[in-house]
Amino acid sequence: RGVGTQLVADMLDRLRAAGVPRAWLWVLGGNLRARRLYEGLGFVSTGERQPLKNDPTRYEERMTLVLE
């Protein structure tokens, strides 16, 4: 277990090494496992939401992390 966390952490390390100042992603509303994973790595919600193109009754939420 913890493979997802390790994969995202490795990606964030590579972004930091490349000098990228900020990372962001979209998480599906209601996907609490994914949200907890991202929050555990320091991501925070921007409050921005958008409906899914193929199902406008569902949404995704933008999360961001400062890498500097």
Foldseek 3Di string as FASTA:
>chain_A
DCPVLVVVVVVLVVCVVVVNFKDKDKAWPPPVVVVVSVVVVPKDWPPDWAADPVGRVTIITMIMDGND
